């Protein structure tokens, strides 16, 4: 679908069980406090936000090219 606006780049990644599950935009003010509060609240279920600035270049490249869970190649799925 087309949209008249460009998507904003993500500033962090939500991880669950060590796996990246999706991008996240962070608040403009007090980002570190938001991340710290989220991580404290959701650590019991294995979720955490990792700001992109805290990741190395290899991790960021891997996240940007990763496909979301369940997003398979349609051709490969048809062949199964």
N, C-alpha and C. Protein backbone atom coordinates (compact mmCIF):
# COMPACT_ATOMS: atom_id res chain seq x y z
N UNK A 1 0.84 -1.17 0.00
CA UNK A 1 0.00 0.00 0.00
C UNK A 1 0.89 1.23 0.00
N UNK A 2 0.39 2.28 -0.57
CA UNK A 2 1.17 3.51 -0.59
C UNK A 2 0.70 4.43 0.54
N UNK A 3 1.60 5.27 0.95
CA UNK A 3 1.30 6.20 2.02
C UNK A 3 1.96 7.53 1.68
N UNK A 4 1.32 8.65 2.01
CA UNK A 4 1.92 9.94 1.70
C UNK A 4 3.05 10.32 2.66
N UNK A 5 3.24 9.53 3.69
CA UNK A 5 4.29 9.84 4.66
C UNK A 5 5.30 8.71 4.71
N UNK A 6 6.52 9.07 5.06
CA UNK A 6 7.57 8.07 5.24
C UNK A 6 7.52 7.55 6.68
N UNK A 7 7.81 6.27 6.88
CA UNK A 7 7.85 5.77 8.26
C UNK A 7 9.07 6.34 8.98
N UNK A 8 8.93 6.54 10.25
CA UNK A 8 10.06 6.99 11.05
C UNK A 8 10.98 5.81 11.33
N UNK A 9 12.27 6.05 11.39
CA UNK A 9 13.18 4.94 11.71
C UNK A 9 13.02 4.52 13.17
N UNK A 10 13.26 3.26 13.42
CA UNK A 10 13.17 2.80 14.80
C UNK A 10 14.41 3.24 15.56
N UNK A 11 14.25 3.39 16.85
CA UNK A 11 15.35 3.81 17.71
C UNK A 11 15.75 2.72 18.69
N UNK A 12 15.00 1.64 18.66
CA UNK A 12 15.28 0.54 19.55
C UNK A 12 14.62 -0.73 19.04
N UNK A 13 14.93 -1.80 19.73
CA UNK A 13 14.41 -3.10 19.36
C UNK A 13 13.81 -3.74 20.60
N UNK A 14 12.64 -4.33 20.43
CA UNK A 14 12.04 -5.10 21.52
C UNK A 14 12.52 -6.53 21.34
N UNK A 15 13.07 -7.08 22.39
CA UNK A 15 13.55 -8.47 22.37
C UNK A 15 12.73 -9.29 23.35
N UNK A 16 12.53 -10.53 22.98
CA UNK A 16 11.88 -11.47 23.89
C UNK A 16 12.66 -12.76 23.83
N UNK A 17 13.16 -13.17 24.98
CA UNK A 17 13.95 -14.38 25.03
C UNK A 17 15.23 -14.27 24.20
N UNK A 18 15.77 -13.07 24.09
CA UNK A 18 17.01 -12.87 23.35
C UNK A 18 16.83 -12.66 21.86
N UNK A 19 15.63 -12.85 21.34
CA UNK A 19 15.35 -12.68 19.91
C UNK A 19 14.67 -11.34 19.66
N UNK A 20 15.08 -10.65 18.62
CA UNK A 20 14.42 -9.41 18.25
C UNK A 20 13.02 -9.72 17.75
N UNK A 21 12.02 -9.04 18.33
CA UNK A 21 10.63 -9.27 17.92
C UNK A 21 10.05 -8.10 17.16
N UNK A 22 10.68 -6.95 17.24
CA UNK A 22 10.17 -5.82 16.48
C UNK A 22 10.84 -4.51 16.85
N UNK A 23 10.68 -3.52 15.99
CA UNK A 23 11.25 -2.20 16.24
C UNK A 23 10.37 -1.40 17.19
N UNK A 24 10.95 -0.36 17.77
CA UNK A 24 10.18 0.53 18.64
C UNK A 24 10.70 1.95 18.48
N UNK A 25 9.77 2.88 18.50
CA UNK A 25 10.11 4.30 18.57
C UNK A 25 10.15 4.67 20.04
N UNK A 26 11.11 5.45 20.44
CA UNK A 26 11.24 5.85 21.84
C UNK A 26 10.75 7.28 22.03
N UNK A 27 10.28 7.62 23.24
CA UNK A 27 9.84 9.00 23.50
C UNK A 27 10.98 9.98 23.27
N UNK A 28 10.62 11.19 22.90
CA UNK A 28 11.65 12.20 22.63
C UNK A 28 12.34 12.64 23.93
N UNK A 29 11.61 12.68 25.02
CA UNK A 29 12.17 13.12 26.30
C UNK A 29 12.37 11.93 27.22
N UNK A 30 13.48 11.94 27.92
CA UNK A 30 13.75 10.96 28.98
C UNK A 30 13.70 9.52 28.47
N UNK A 31 14.35 9.27 27.36
CA UNK A 31 14.35 7.93 26.74
C UNK A 31 14.90 6.87 27.67
N UNK A 32 16.00 7.17 28.33
CA UNK A 32 16.65 6.17 29.18
C UNK A 32 15.72 5.74 30.31
N UNK A 33 15.00 6.68 30.90
CA UNK A 33 14.06 6.33 31.97
C UNK A 33 12.94 5.44 31.45
N UNK A 34 12.45 5.74 30.23
CA UNK A 34 11.41 4.91 29.63
C UNK A 34 11.90 3.49 29.43
N UNK A 35 13.10 3.35 28.85
CA UNK A 35 13.67 2.03 28.59
C UNK A 35 13.88 1.28 29.91
N UNK A 36 14.44 1.96 30.90
CA UNK A 36 14.68 1.32 32.20
C UNK A 36 13.37 0.85 32.84
N UNK A 37 12.32 1.70 32.79
CA UNK A 37 11.04 1.33 33.38
C UNK A 37 10.41 0.15 32.63
N UNK A 38 10.45 0.17 31.29
CA UNK A 38 9.91 -0.93 30.50
C UNK A 38 10.63 -2.22 30.84
N UNK A 39 11.95 -2.17 30.88
CA UNK A 39 12.74 -3.38 31.14
C UNK A 39 12.48 -3.94 32.53
N UNK A 40 12.32 -3.08 33.52
CA UNK A 40 11.98 -3.56 34.88
C UNK A 40 10.61 -4.23 34.88
N UNK A 41 9.64 -3.60 34.22
CA UNK A 41 8.27 -4.10 34.25
C UNK A 41 8.11 -5.42 33.51
N UNK A 42 8.77 -5.58 32.37
CA UNK A 42 8.54 -6.74 31.51
C UNK A 42 9.63 -7.81 31.58
N UNK A 43 10.61 -7.64 32.46
CA UNK A 43 11.68 -8.63 32.54
C UNK A 43 11.16 -10.00 32.97
N UNK A 44 10.10 -10.03 33.73
CA UNK A 44 9.55 -11.31 34.21
C UNK A 44 9.07 -12.20 33.07
N UNK A 45 8.67 -11.59 31.95
CA UNK A 45 8.24 -12.40 30.80
C UNK A 45 9.31 -12.42 29.71
N UNK A 46 10.51 -11.99 30.05
CA UNK A 46 11.63 -12.10 29.13
C UNK A 46 11.71 -11.03 28.06
N UNK A 47 11.00 -9.91 28.26
CA UNK A 47 11.03 -8.84 27.26
C UNK A 47 11.92 -7.70 27.71
N UNK A 48 12.54 -7.05 26.74
CA UNK A 48 13.38 -5.89 27.03
C UNK A 48 13.52 -5.04 25.78
N UNK A 49 13.71 -3.75 25.99
CA UNK A 49 14.03 -2.84 24.90
C UNK A 49 15.54 -2.65 24.89
N UNK A 50 16.12 -2.72 23.71
CA UNK A 50 17.54 -2.43 23.54
C UNK A 50 17.63 -1.26 22.56
N UNK A 51 18.07 -0.09 23.03
CA UNK A 51 18.23 1.04 22.11
C UNK A 51 19.30 0.71 21.06
N UNK A 52 19.09 1.14 19.82
CA UNK A 52 20.05 0.85 18.77
C UNK A 52 21.43 1.41 19.09
N UNK A 53 21.48 2.51 19.83
CA UNK A 53 22.79 3.08 20.16
C UNK A 53 23.59 2.15 21.07
N UNK A 54 22.91 1.21 21.74
CA UNK A 54 23.59 0.26 22.63
C UNK A 54 24.05 -1.00 21.90
N UNK A 55 23.70 -1.12 20.63
CA UNK A 55 24.05 -2.30 19.86
C UNK A 55 25.24 -2.02 18.95
N UNK A 56 25.96 -3.05 18.62
CA UNK A 56 27.04 -2.92 17.66
C UNK A 56 26.50 -2.88 16.24
N UNK A 57 27.33 -2.48 15.29
CA UNK A 57 26.91 -2.37 13.90
C UNK A 57 26.41 -3.70 13.34
N UNK A 58 27.04 -4.81 13.70
CA UNK A 58 26.61 -6.12 13.21
C UNK A 58 25.21 -6.46 13.70
N UNK A 59 24.92 -6.15 14.97
CA UNK A 59 23.59 -6.41 15.51
C UNK A 59 22.53 -5.56 14.81
N UNK A 60 22.83 -4.29 14.58
CA UNK A 60 21.87 -3.40 13.93
C UNK A 60 21.59 -3.88 12.51
N UNK A 61 22.62 -4.27 11.78
CA UNK A 61 22.43 -4.77 10.41
C UNK A 61 21.58 -6.03 10.41
N UNK A 62 21.80 -6.91 11.37
CA UNK A 62 21.03 -8.14 11.46
C UNK A 62 19.56 -7.84 11.75
N UNK A 63 19.30 -6.89 12.63
CA UNK A 63 17.93 -6.53 12.98
C UNK A 63 17.23 -5.89 11.80
N UNK A 64 17.91 -5.04 11.07
CA UNK A 64 17.28 -4.35 9.94
C UNK A 64 16.96 -5.30 8.80
N UNK A 65 17.65 -6.43 8.71
CA UNK A 65 17.37 -7.37 7.62
C UNK A 65 16.55 -8.57 8.09
N UNK A 66 16.28 -8.64 9.38
CA UNK A 66 15.53 -9.79 9.92
C UNK A 66 14.07 -9.72 9.48
N UNK A 67 13.51 -10.90 9.31
CA UNK A 67 12.09 -10.99 8.99
C UNK A 67 11.36 -11.30 10.27
N UNK A 68 10.16 -10.75 10.43
CA UNK A 68 9.40 -11.03 11.65
C UNK A 68 9.04 -12.52 11.75
N UNK A 69 8.86 -13.01 12.97
CA UNK A 69 8.49 -14.42 13.13
C UNK A 69 7.22 -14.72 12.34
N UNK A 70 7.21 -15.83 11.62
CA UNK A 70 6.05 -16.22 10.85
C UNK A 70 6.00 -15.65 9.45
N UNK A 71 6.93 -14.75 9.13
CA UNK A 71 6.95 -14.18 7.78
C UNK A 71 7.82 -15.08 6.92
N UNK A 72 7.19 -15.98 6.23
CA UNK A 72 7.92 -16.91 5.39
C UNK A 72 7.94 -16.47 3.94
N UNK A 73 8.78 -17.09 3.19
CA UNK A 73 8.82 -16.87 1.76
C UNK A 73 7.62 -17.58 1.15
N UNK A 74 6.76 -16.85 0.47
CA UNK A 74 5.53 -17.43 -0.06
C UNK A 74 5.81 -18.62 -0.97
N UNK A 75 6.85 -18.52 -1.81
CA UNK A 75 7.17 -19.62 -2.71
C UNK A 75 7.61 -20.84 -1.92
N UNK A 76 8.41 -20.65 -0.91
CA UNK A 76 8.88 -21.76 -0.08
C UNK A 76 7.71 -22.37 0.67
N UNK A 77 6.80 -21.53 1.15
CA UNK A 77 5.64 -22.05 1.89
C UNK A 77 4.74 -22.89 0.97
N UNK A 78 4.60 -22.48 -0.28
CA UNK A 78 3.75 -23.24 -1.21
C UNK A 78 4.34 -24.60 -1.53
N UNK A 79 5.68 -24.70 -1.48
CA UNK A 79 6.35 -25.95 -1.83
C UNK A 79 6.30 -26.97 -0.70
N UNK A 80 5.90 -26.59 0.46
CA UNK A 80 5.89 -27.51 1.60
C UNK A 80 4.68 -28.37 1.61
